[in-house]
PDB file of N, CA and C in Angstrom:
ATOM      1  N   UNK A   1     -76.310  55.113 -58.475  1.00  0.00           N
ATOM      2  CA  UNK A   1     -75.727  54.550 -56.630  1.00  0.00           C
ATOM      3  C   UNK A   1     -73.899  55.061 -56.961  1.00  0.00           C
ATOM      4  N   UNK A   2     -73.129  55.263 -55.822  1.00  0.00           N
ATOM      5  CA  UNK A   2     -72.431  55.744 -55.777  1.00  0.00           C
ATOM      6  C   UNK A   2     -71.972  54.018 -55.454  1.00  0.00           C
ATOM      7  N   UNK A   3     -70.438  53.673 -55.426  1.00  0.00           N
ATOM      8  CA  UNK A   3     -70.313  52.667 -55.320  1.00  0.00           C
ATOM      9  C   UNK A   3     -68.408  52.856 -55.409  1.00  0.00           C
ATOM     10  N   UNK A   4     -67.888  51.889 -54.648  1.00  0.00           N
ATOM     11  CA  UNK A   4     -66.286  51.481 -54.455  1.00  0.00           C
ATOM     12  C   UNK A   4     -66.059  50.489 -55.827  1.00  0.00           C
ATOM     13  N   UNK A   5     -64.794  51.017 -56.640  1.00  0.00           N
ATOM     14  CA  UNK A   5     -64.071  50.328 -57.343  1.00  0.00           C
ATOM     15  C   UNK A   5     -63.675  48.798 -56.814  1.00  0.00           C
ATOM     16  N   UNK A   6     -63.654  47.603 -56.795  1.00  0.00           N
ATOM     17  CA  UNK A   6     -62.542  47.004 -56.698  1.00  0.00           C
ATOM     18  C   UNK A   6     -61.271  46.434 -56.874  1.00  0.00           C
ATOM     19  N   UNK A   7     -60.938  47.176 -57.941  1.00  0.00           N
ATOM     20  CA  UNK A   7     -59.198  47.445 -58.518  1.00  0.00           C
ATOM     21  C   UNK A   7     -59.054  48.558 -57.833  1.00  0.00           C
ATOM     22  N   UNK A   8     -58.955  49.838 -58.460  1.00  0.00           N
ATOM     23  CA  UNK A   8     -58.632  50.755 -57.935  1.00  0.00           C
ATOM     24  C   UNK A   8     -58.990  51.534 -56.763  1.00  0.00           C
ATOM     25  N   UNK A   9     -60.138  51.300 -56.300  1.00  0.00           N
ATOM     26  CA  UNK A   9     -60.824  51.337 -54.973  1.00  0.00           C
ATOM     27  C   UNK A   9     -60.978  52.744 -54.632  1.00  0.00           C
ATOM     28  N   UNK A  10     -61.094  53.281 -55.668  1.00  0.00           N
ATOM     29  CA  UNK A  10     -61.605  54.807 -56.069  1.00  0.00           C
ATOM     30  C   UNK A  10     -63.295  55.226 -55.529  1.00  0.00           C
ATOM     31  N   UNK A  11     -63.789  55.792 -54.910  1.00  0.00           N
ATOM     32  CA  UNK A  11     -65.144  55.754 -55.649  1.00  0.00           C
ATOM     33  C   UNK A  11     -66.196  56.247 -57.181  1.00  0.00           C
ATOM     34  N   UNK A  12     -67.075  55.699 -57.780  1.00  0.00           N
ATOM     35  CA  UNK A  12     -66.999  56.421 -58.556  1.00  0.00           C
ATOM     36  C   UNK A  12     -68.764  55.910 -58.973  1.00  0.00           C
ATOM     37  N   UNK A  13     -69.386  56.808 -60.097  1.00  0.00           N
ATOM     38  CA  UNK A  13     -71.054  56.598 -59.925  1.00  0.00           C
ATOM     39  C   UNK A  13     -71.320  55.822 -60.562  1.00  0.00           C
ATOM     40  N   UNK A  14     -72.615  54.581 -60.930  1.00  0.00           N
ATOM     41  CA  UNK A  14     -72.505  53.579 -61.176  1.00  0.00           C
ATOM     42  C   UNK A  14     -74.181  54.168 -62.350  1.00  0.00           C
ATOM     43  N   UNK A  15     -74.303  54.223 -63.708  1.00  0.00           N
ATOM     44  CA  UNK A  15     -75.405  54.154 -64.152  1.00  0.00           C
ATOM     45  C   UNK A  15     -76.202  53.420 -64.229  1.00  0.00           C
ATOM     46  N   UNK A  16     -75.095  52.383 -65.237  1.00  0.00           N
ATOM     47  CA  UNK A  16     -75.858  50.786 -66.049  1.00  0.00           C
ATOM     48  C   UNK A  16     -75.370  50.215 -65.152  1.00  0.00           C
ATOM     49  N   UNK A  17     -76.245  49.541 -64.736  1.00  0.00           N
ATOM     50  CA  UNK A  17     -76.091  48.287 -64.426  1.00  0.00           C
ATOM     51  C   UNK A  17     -75.507  47.347 -65.232  1.00  0.00           C
ATOM     52  N   UNK A  18     -74.797  47.459 -66.245  1.00  0.00           N
ATOM     53  CA  UNK A  18     -73.946  45.983 -67.299  1.00  0.00           C
ATOM     54  C   UNK A  18     -72.641  47.040 -68.143  1.00  0.00           C
ATOM     55  N   UNK A  19     -71.973  48.113 -67.971  1.00  0.00           N
ATOM     56  CA  UNK A  19     -71.342  48.591 -68.073  1.00  0.00           C
ATOM     57  C   UNK A  19     -70.532  49.945 -67.626  1.00  0.00           C
ATOM     58  N   UNK A  20     -69.752  49.848 -67.028  1.00  0.00           N
ATOM     59  CA  UNK A  20     -68.669  48.756 -66.707  1.00  0.00           C
ATOM     60  C   UNK A  20     -68.878  47.548 -65.246  1.00  0.00           C
ATOM     61  N   UNK A  21     -68.519  46.487 -66.008  1.00  0.00           N
ATOM     62  CA  UNK A  21     -68.681  45.269 -64.770  1.00  0.00           C
ATOM     63  C   UNK A  21     -68.764  45.154 -63.623  1.00  0.00           C
ATOM     64  N   UNK A  22     -69.875  44.726 -63.330  1.00  0.00           N
ATOM     65  CA  UNK A  22     -69.927  45.265 -62.124  1.00  0.00           C
ATOM     66  C   UNK A  22     -68.795  44.670 -60.924  1.00  0.00           C
ATOM     67  N   UNK A  23     -69.017  46.177 -59.933  1.00  0.00           N
ATOM     68  CA  UNK A  23     -68.101  46.503 -58.750  1.00  0.00           C
ATOM     69  C   UNK A  23     -66.876  47.254 -59.441  1.00  0.00           C
ATOM     70  N   UNK A  24     -66.309  47.504 -60.783  1.00  0.00           N
ATOM     71  CA  UNK A  24     -65.641  48.373 -61.256  1.00  0.00           C
ATOM     72  C   UNK A  24     -66.157  49.850 -62.049  1.00  0.00           C
ATOM     73  N   UNK A  25     -65.075  50.028 -62.065  1.00  0.00           N
ATOM     74  CA  UNK A  25     -65.129  51.976 -62.277  1.00  0.00           C
ATOM     75  C   UNK A  25     -64.398  51.939 -64.045  1.00  0.00           C
ATOM     76  N   UNK A  26     -64.069  51.373 -64.189  1.00  0.00           N
ATOM     77  CA  UNK A  26     -63.981  51.735 -66.101  1.00  0.00           C
ATOM     78  C   UNK A  26     -63.259  49.579 -66.425  1.00  0.00           C
ATOM     79  N   UNK A  27     -63.437  49.789 -67.503  1.00  0.00           N
ATOM     80  CA  UNK A  27     -62.758  48.500 -68.119  1.00  0.00           C
ATOM     81  C   UNK A  27     -61.620  48.179 -67.748  1.00  0.00           C
ATOM     82  N   UNK A  28     -61.004  48.856 -68.027  1.00  0.00           N
ATOM     83  CA  UNK A  28     -58.827  49.180 -67.496  1.00  0.00           C
ATOM     84  C   UNK A  28     -58.513  48.405 -66.414  1.00  0.00           C
ATOM     85  N   UNK A  29     -60.151  48.614 -65.415  1.00  0.00           N
ATOM     86  CA  UNK A  29     -59.868  48.141 -63.760  1.00  0.00           C
ATOM     87  C   UNK A  29     -59.879  47.046 -63.776  1.00  0.00           C
ATOM     88  N   UNK A  30     -61.291  46.881 -64.618  1.00  0.00           N
ATOM     89  CA  UNK A  30     -61.516  45.403 -64.702  1.00  0.00           C
ATOM     90  C   UNK A  30     -60.534  44.372 -65.574  1.00  0.00           C
ATOM     91  N   UNK A  31     -60.421  44.318 -66.122  1.00  0.00           N
ATOM     92  CA  UNK A  31     -59.153  43.730 -66.540  1.00  0.00           C
ATOM     93  C   UNK A  31     -57.597  43.652 -65.751  1.00  0.00           C
ATOM     94  N   UNK A  32     -57.417  44.997 -65.187  1.00  0.00           N
ATOM     95  CA  UNK A  32     -56.054  44.587 -64.629  1.00  0.00           C
ATOM     96  C   UNK A  32     -56.288  43.460 -63.259  1.00  0.00           C
ATOM     97  N   UNK A  33     -57.695  43.902 -62.991  1.00  0.00           N
ATOM     98  CA  UNK A  33     -57.747  42.897 -61.903  1.00  0.00           C
ATOM     99  C   UNK A  33     -57.625  41.696 -61.471  1.00  0.00           C
ATOM    100  N   UNK A  34     -57.681  40.833 -62.629  1.00  0.00           N
ATOM    101  CA  UNK A  34     -57.773  39.318 -62.260  1.00  0.00           C
ATOM    102  C   UNK A  34     -56.037  38.975 -62.535  1.00  0.00           C
ATOM    103  N   UNK A  35     -55.250  39.790 -62.986  1.00  0.00           N
ATOM    104  CA  UNK A  35     -53.494  39.900 -63.764  1.00  0.00           C
ATOM    105  C   UNK A  35     -52.795  39.710 -62.437  1.00  0.00           C
ATOM    106  N   UNK A  36     -52.236  39.234 -62.272  1.00  0.00           N
ATOM    107  CA  UNK A  36     -51.472  38.666 -61.250  1.00  0.00           C
ATOM    108  C   UNK A  36     -50.085  39.858 -61.006  1.00  0.00           C
ATOM    109  N   UNK A  37     -49.429  40.258 -60.101  1.00  0.00           N
ATOM    110  CA  UNK A  37     -48.974  41.601 -60.078  1.00  0.00           C
ATOM    111  C   UNK A  37     -46.956  41.491 -60.086  1.00  0.00           C
ATOM    112  N   UNK A  38     -46.793  42.155 -60.594  1.00  0.00           N
ATOM    113  CA  UNK A  38     -45.330  41.731 -61.447  1.00  0.00           C
ATOM    114  C   UNK A  38     -44.501  42.597 -60.253  1.00  0.00           C
ATOM    115  N   UNK A  39     -43.992  41.827 -59.398  1.00  0.00           N
ATOM    116  CA  UNK A  39     -42.599  42.666 -58.146  1.00  0.00           C
ATOM    117  C   UNK A  39     -41.412  43.283 -59.585  1.00  0.00           C
ATOM    118  N   UNK A  40     -41.284  44.768 -59.406  1.00  0.00           N
ATOM    119  CA  UNK A  40     -39.947  45.335 -59.521  1.00  0.00           C
ATOM    120  C   UNK A  40     -39.244  44.115 -58.621  1.00  0.00           C
ATOM    121  N   UNK A  41     -38.060  44.563 -59.946  1.00  0.00           N
ATOM    122  CA  UNK A  41     -36.310  43.740 -59.685  1.00  0.00           C
ATOM    123  C   UNK A  41     -35.687  45.000 -58.384  1.00  0.00           C
ATOM    124  N   UNK A  42     -35.070  44.280 -57.206  1.00  0.00           N
ATOM    125  CA  UNK A  42     -34.526  45.042 -56.948  1.00  0.00           C
ATOM    126  C   UNK A  42     -33.068  45.559 -57.058  1.00  0.00           C
ATOM    127  N   UNK A  43     -32.075  46.226 -56.907  1.00  0.00           N
ATOM    128  CA  UNK A  43     -31.000  46.484 -57.780  1.00  0.00           C
ATOM    129  C   UNK A  43     -30.518  45.552 -56.525  1.00  0.00           C
ATOM    130  N   UNK A  44     -28.738  45.220 -58.159  1.00  0.00           N
ATOM    131  CA  UNK A  44     -27.734  44.454 -57.731  1.00  0.00           C
ATOM    132  C   UNK A  44     -27.283  45.243 -55.735  1.00  0.00           C
ATOM    133  N   UNK A  45     -27.533  43.614 -55.452  1.00  0.00           N
ATOM    134  CA  UNK A  45     -26.681  44.316 -53.563  1.00  0.00           C
ATOM    135  C   UNK A  45     -25.199  45.392 -53.677  1.00  0.00           C
ATOM    136  N   UNK A  46     -24.759  45.428 -54.580  1.00  0.00           N
ATOM    137  CA  UNK A  46     -23.480  46.021 -54.620  1.00  0.00           C
ATOM    138  C   UNK A  46     -23.718  47.508 -54.820  1.00  0.00           C
ATOM    139  N   UNK A  47     -25.433  48.010 -55.216  1.00  0.00           N
ATOM    140  CA  UNK A  47     -25.349  48.993 -56.168  1.00  0.00           C
ATOM    141  C   UNK A  47     -25.985  49.874 -54.497  1.00  0.00           C
ATOM    142  N   UNK A  48     -26.770  48.893 -53.549  1.00  0.00           N
ATOM    143  CA  UNK A  48     -27.515  49.245 -52.854  1.00  0.00           C
ATOM    144  C   UNK A  48     -26.014  49.783 -51.109  1.00  0.00           C
ATOM    145  N   UNK A  49     -25.022  48.905 -51.383  1.00  0.00           N
ATOM    146  CA  UNK A  49     -24.152  49.601 -50.053  1.00  0.00           C
ATOM    147  C   UNK A  49     -23.592  50.597 -50.451  1.00  0.00           C
ATOM    148  N   UNK A  50     -23.033  50.930 -52.072  1.00  0.00           N
ATOM    149  CA  UNK A  50     -22.560  51.835 -52.607  1.00  0.00           C
ATOM    150  C   UNK A  50     -24.000  53.478 -52.218  1.00  0.00           C
ATOM    151  N   UNK A  51     -25.146  52.565 -52.176  1.00  0.00           N
ATOM    152  CA  UNK A  51     -25.569  53.561 -51.794  1.00  0.00           C
ATOM    153  C   UNK A  51     -25.858  54.179 -50.366  1.00  0.00           C
ATOM    154  N   UNK A  52     -25.225  53.490 -49.691  1.00  0.00           N
ATOM    155  CA  UNK A  52     -25.232  52.698 -48.346  1.00  0.00           C
ATOM    156  C   UNK A  52     -23.718  54.171 -48.051  1.00  0.00           C
ATOM    157  N   UNK A  53     -23.059  53.556 -48.475  1.00  0.00           N
ATOM    158  CA  UNK A  53     -21.508  54.299 -47.638  1.00  0.00           C
ATOM    159  C   UNK A  53     -21.826  55.526 -48.755  1.00  0.00           C
ATOM    160  N   UNK A  54     -22.864  55.684 -50.117  1.00  0.00           N
ATOM    161  CA  UNK A  54     -22.999  57.743 -49.802  1.00  0.00           C
ATOM    162  C   UNK A  54     -23.916  58.351 -49.196  1.00  0.00           C
ATOM    163  N   UNK A  55     -24.429  57.737 -48.171  1.00  0.00           N
ATOM    164  CA  UNK A  55     -25.564  57.691 -47.264  1.00  0.00           C
ATOM    165  C   UNK A  55     -24.885  58.087 -45.874  1.00  0.00           C
ATOM    166  N   UNK A  56     -23.569  57.780 -46.178  1.00  0.00           N
ATOM    167  CA  UNK A  56     -23.063  57.610 -44.093  1.00  0.00           C
ATOM    168  C   UNK A  56     -22.262  58.517 -44.708  1.00  0.00           C
ATOM    169  N   UNK A  57     -21.405  58.864 -46.143  1.00  0.00           N
ATOM    170  CA  UNK A  57     -20.753  59.786 -45.956  1.00  0.00           C
ATOM    171  C   UNK A  57     -21.132  61.594 -45.816  1.00  0.00           C
ATOM    172  N   UNK A  58     -22.020  61.520 -46.506  1.00  0.00           N
ATOM    173  CA  UNK A  58     -23.080  62.426 -46.246  1.00  0.00           C
ATOM    174  C   UNK A  58     -23.437  63.073 -45.189  1.00  0.00           C
ATOM    175  N   UNK A  59     -24.428  62.546 -44.229  1.00  0.00           N
ATOM    176  CA  UNK A  59     -25.099  62.711 -43.659  1.00  0.00           C
ATOM    177  C   UNK A  59     -24.680  61.664 -41.911  1.00  0.00           C
ATOM    178  N   UNK A  60     -23.663  60.528 -42.156  1.00  0.00           N
ATOM    179  CA  UNK A  60     -22.854  60.580 -40.888  1.00  0.00           C
ATOM    180  C   UNK A  60     -21.720  61.018 -41.570  1.00  0.00           C
ATOM    181  N   UNK A  61     -21.439  61.525 -41.730  1.00  0.00           N
ATOM    182  CA  UNK A  61     -19.611  61.862 -41.764  1.00  0.00           C
ATOM    183  C   UNK A  61     -19.060  60.713 -41.695  1.00  0.00           C
ATOM    184  N   UNK A  62     -19.208  59.170 -41.852  1.00  0.00           N
ATOM    185  CA  UNK A  62     -18.309  58.225 -42.050  1.00  0.00           C
ATOM    186  C   UNK A  62     -18.254  57.607 -43.656  1.00  0.00           C
ATOM    187  N   UNK A  63     -17.055  57.139 -43.493  1.00  0.00           N
ATOM    188  CA  UNK A  63     -17.259  56.319 -45.042  1.00  0.00           C
ATOM    189  C   UNK A  63     -17.096  54.764 -45.137  1.00  0.00           C
ATOM    190  N   UNK A  64     -17.791  54.402 -44.342  1.00  0.00           N
ATOM    191  CA  UNK A  64     -18.081  52.787 -43.832  1.00  0.00           C
ATOM    192  C   UNK A  64     -19.760  52.995 -44.224  1.00  0.00           C
ATOM    193  N   UNK A  65     -19.756  51.403 -44.891  1.00  0.00           N
ATOM    194  CA  UNK A  65     -21.042  50.978 -44.696  1.00  0.00           C
ATOM    195  C   UNK A  65     -21.209  50.091 -43.463  1.00  0.00           C
ATOM    196  N   UNK A  66     -20.143  49.896 -42.460  1.00  0.00           N
ATOM    197  CA  UNK A  66     -20.194  48.782 -41.614  1.00  0.00           C
ATOM    198  C   UNK A  66     -20.848  49.504 -40.308  1.00  0.00           C
ATOM    199  N   UNK A  67     -20.369  50.742 -39.809  1.00  0.00           N
ATOM    200  CA  UNK A  67     -21.018  51.401 -38.893  1.00  0.00           C
ATOM    201  C   UNK A  67     -22.661  51.117 -39.095  1.00  0.00           C
ATOM    202  N   UNK A  68     -23.618  50.947 -37.924  1.00  0.00           N
ATOM    203  CA  UNK A  68     -24.907  50.895 -38.023  1.00  0.00           C
ATOM    204  C   UNK A  68     -25.161  52.153 -37.355  1.00  0.00           C
ATOM    205  N   UNK A  69     -26.103  53.058 -38.007  1.00  0.00           N
ATOM    206  CA  UNK A  69     -26.996  53.766 -36.998  1.00  0.00           C
ATOM    207  C   UNK A  69     -28.455  53.704 -36.841  1.00  0.00           C
ATOM    208  N   UNK A  70     -29.457  54.637 -36.289  1.00  0.00           N
ATOM    209  CA  UNK A  70     -30.648  54.338 -35.703  1.00  0.00           C
ATOM    210  C   UNK A  70     -31.324  55.574 -36.724  1.00  0.00           C
ATOM    211  N   UNK A  71     -31.516  55.602 -37.793  1.00  0.00           N
ATOM    212  CA  UNK A  71     -31.737  56.622 -38.556  1.00  0.00           C
ATOM    213  C   UNK A  71     -32.876  55.904 -39.894  1.00  0.00           C
ATOM    214  N   UNK A  72     -34.085  56.567 -40.323  1.00  0.00           N
ATOM    215  CA  UNK A  72     -34.586  55.859 -40.908  1.00  0.00           C
ATOM    216  C   UNK A  72     -34.663  55.673 -41.956  1.00  0.00           C
ATOM    217  N   UNK A  73     -33.570  56.692 -42.936  1.00  0.00           N
ATOM    218  CA  UNK A  73     -33.477  56.341 -44.346  1.00  0.00           C
ATOM    219  C   UNK A  73     -32.365  54.831 -44.082  1.00  0.00           C
ATOM    220  N   UNK A  74     -31.491  54.949 -43.123  1.00  0.00           N
ATOM    221  CA  UNK A  74     -29.918  53.738 -42.732  1.00  0.00           C
ATOM    222  C   UNK A  74     -31.224  52.757 -42.668  1.00  0.00           C
ATOM    223  N   UNK A  75     -32.273  52.957 -42.011  1.00  0.00           N
ATOM    224  CA  UNK A  75     -32.820  51.550 -41.720  1.00  0.00           C
ATOM    225  C   UNK A  75     -33.785  50.947 -43.422  1.00  0.00           C
ATOM    226  N   UNK A  76     -33.729  52.046 -44.129  1.00  0.00           N
ATOM    227  CA  UNK A  76     -34.733  51.498 -45.507  1.00  0.00           C
ATOM    228  C   UNK A  76     -34.085  50.907 -45.644  1.00  0.00           C
ATOM    229  N   UNK A  77     -32.673  51.448 -46.291  1.00  0.00           N
ATOM    230  CA  UNK A  77     -31.222  51.165 -47.132  1.00  0.00           C
ATOM    231  C   UNK A  77     -31.126  49.604 -46.218  1.00  0.00           C
ATOM    232  N   UNK A  78     -31.125  49.446 -45.669  1.00  0.00           N
ATOM    233  CA  UNK A  78     -30.952  47.584 -44.610  1.00  0.00           C
ATOM    234  C   UNK A  78     -31.332  46.923 -44.577  1.00  0.00           C
ATOM    235  N   UNK A  79     -32.762  47.657 -45.549  1.00  0.00           N
ATOM    236  CA  UNK A  79     -33.763  46.278 -45.733  1.00  0.00           C
ATOM    237  C   UNK A  79     -34.130  46.658 -47.253  1.00  0.00           C
ATOM    238  N   UNK A  80     -34.522  47.235 -48.240  1.00  0.00           N
ATOM    239  CA  UNK A  80     -33.442  47.438 -49.179  1.00  0.00           C
ATOM    240  C   UNK A  80     -32.461  46.423 -50.136  1.00  0.00           C
ATOM    241  N   UNK A  81     -31.335  46.296 -48.942  1.00  0.00           N
ATOM    242  CA  UNK A  81     -29.743  45.666 -49.205  1.00  0.00           C
ATOM    243  C   UNK A  81     -30.521  44.150 -49.106  1.00  0.00           C
ATOM    244  N   UNK A  82     -31.336  43.857 -47.840  1.00  0.00           N
ATOM    245  CA  UNK A  82     -31.691  42.239 -47.308  1.00  0.00           C
ATOM    246  C   UNK A  82     -33.168  41.839 -48.771  1.00  0.00           C
ATOM    247  N   UNK A  83     -33.272  42.312 -48.982  1.00  0.00           N
ATOM    248  CA  UNK A  83     -34.504  42.209 -50.288  1.00  0.00           C
ATOM    249  C   UNK A  83     -33.942  41.729 -51.407  1.00  0.00           C
ATOM    250  N   UNK A  84     -32.536  42.620 -51.624  1.00  0.00           N
ATOM    251  CA  UNK A  84     -31.785  42.460 -52.769  1.00  0.00           C
ATOM    252  C   UNK A  84     -31.138  41.038 -52.861  1.00  0.00           C
ATOM    253  N   UNK A  85     -30.151  40.964 -51.078  1.00  0.00           N
ATOM    254  CA  UNK A  85     -29.582  39.293 -51.787  1.00  0.00           C
ATOM    255  C   UNK A  85     -30.385  37.988 -51.413  1.00  0.00           C
ATOM    256  N   UNK A  86     -31.657  39.012 -50.999  1.00  0.00           N
ATOM    257  CA  UNK A  86     -32.987  37.242 -50.929  1.00  0.00           C
ATOM    258  C   UNK A  86     -33.158  37.236 -52.785  1.00  0.00           C
ATOM    259  N   UNK A  87     -33.511  37.980 -52.797  1.00  0.00           N
ATOM    260  CA  UNK A  87     -34.269  38.432 -54.767  1.00  0.00           C
ATOM    261  C   UNK A  87     -32.752  37.895 -55.708  1.00  0.00           C
ATOM    262  N   UNK A  88     -31.720  38.111 -55.479  1.00  0.00           N
ATOM    263  CA  UNK A  88     -30.435  37.828 -56.321  1.00  0.00           C
ATOM    264  C   UNK A  88     -30.489  36.255 -56.085  1.00  0.00           C
ATOM    265  N   UNK A  89     -29.824  36.135 -54.644  1.00  0.00           N
ATOM    266  CA  UNK A  89     -29.869  34.668 -54.415  1.00  0.00           C
ATOM    267  C   UNK A  89     -30.782  33.974 -54.710  1.00  0.00           C
ATOM    268  N   UNK A  90     -31.773  34.192 -54.713  1.00  0.00           N
ATOM    269  CA  UNK A  90     -32.915  32.782 -55.288  1.00  0.00           C
ATOM    270  C   UNK A  90     -32.695  32.570 -56.188  1.00  0.00           C
ATOM    271  N   UNK A  91     -32.318  33.786 -57.625  1.00  0.00           N
ATOM    272  CA  UNK A  91     -32.259  33.387 -59.024  1.00  0.00           C
ATOM    273  C   UNK A  91     -31.337  33.235 -59.161  1.00  0.00           C
ATOM    274  N   UNK A  92     -30.170  33.642 -58.242  1.00  0.00           N
ATOM    275  CA  UNK A  92     -28.880  32.656 -58.919  1.00  0.00           C
ATOM    276  C   UNK A  92     -29.764  31.149 -58.622  1.00  0.00           C
ATOM    277  N   UNK A  93     -30.015  30.821 -57.556  1.00  0.00           N
ATOM    278  CA  UNK A  93     -30.157  29.165 -57.324  1.00  0.00           C
ATOM    279  C   UNK A  93     -30.948  28.873 -58.461  1.00  0.00           C
ATOM    280  N   UNK A  94     -32.049  29.491 -59.125  1.00  0.00           N
ATOM    281  CA  UNK A  94     -32.641  29.340 -59.806  1.00  0.00           C
ATOM    282  C   UNK A  94     -31.648  28.798 -61.283  1.00  0.00           C
ATOM    283  N   UNK A  95     -30.663  29.559 -61.634  1.00  0.00           N
ATOM    284  CA  UNK A  95     -30.218  29.290 -62.853  1.00  0.00           C
ATOM    285  C   UNK A  95     -28.926  28.422 -62.811  1.00  0.00           C
ATOM    286  N   UNK A  96     -28.697  28.367 -61.810  1.00  0.00           N
ATOM    287  CA  UNK A  96     -27.922  27.419 -61.134  1.00  0.00           C
ATOM    288  C   UNK A  96     -28.808  25.889 -61.610  1.00  0.00           C
ATOM    289  N   UNK A  97     -30.346  25.307 -60.793  1.00  0.00           N
ATOM    290  CA  UNK A  97     -30.678  23.884 -61.235  1.00  0.00           C
ATOM    291  C   UNK A  97     -30.302  24.178 -62.190  1.00  0.00           C
ATOM    292  N   UNK A  98     -31.441  25.118 -63.801  1.00  0.00           N
ATOM    293  CA  UNK A  98     -31.009  24.837 -64.811  1.00  0.00           C
ATOM    294  C   UNK A  98     -30.491  24.986 -65.255  1.00  0.00           C
ATOM    295  N   UNK A  99     -28.935  25.557 -64.720  1.00  0.00           N
ATOM    296  CA  UNK A  99     -27.823  24.449 -66.065  1.00  0.00           C
ATOM    297  C   UNK A  99     -27.473  23.846 -65.530  1.00  0.00           C
ATOM    298  N   UNK A 100     -27.528  23.163 -64.561  1.00  0.00           N
ATOM    299  CA  UNK A 100     -26.951  21.678 -63.635  1.00  0.00           C
ATOM    300  C   UNK A 100     -25.591  22.141 -62.767  1.00  0.00           C
ATOM    301  N   UNK A 101     -25.349  22.813 -62.674  1.00  0.00           N
ATOM    302  CA  UNK A 101     -24.760  24.096 -61.650  1.00  0.00           C
ATOM    303  C   UNK A 101     -24.870  23.162 -60.197  1.00  0.00           C
ATOM    304  N   UNK A 102     -23.933  22.937 -59.599  1.00  0.00           N
ATOM    305  CA  UNK A 102     -24.370  22.734 -57.911  1.00  0.00           C
ATOM    306  C   UNK A 102     -22.799  23.072 -57.497  1.00  0.00           C
ATOM    307  N   UNK A 103     -23.416  23.669 -56.200  1.00  0.00           N
ATOM    308  CA  UNK A 103     -22.026  23.792 -55.561  1.00  0.00           C
ATOM    309  C   UNK A 103     -21.174  22.833 -54.818  1.00  0.00           C
TER     310      UNK A 103
END
């Protein structure tokens, strides 16, 4: 019987009904299925601004991160910058509440 793994979504041939557990191609996939996925921590915002300036200098011949260009790399960097600001501002807010520091 050919089945599709619930975790890796890879097709696999199922010989026996008891091993690996039903719906999974292997025990590692079964073990990883229930665990929450950890999101990667984005780099600090200043690192992404540096990447934006470097991209603008190399590709657009401008040494500024303030100008707006409509290229896929610029849009990807802007999305990374927004995600970085959101992640790190929430982290800092949690740290301030935990330490009792209020703005």
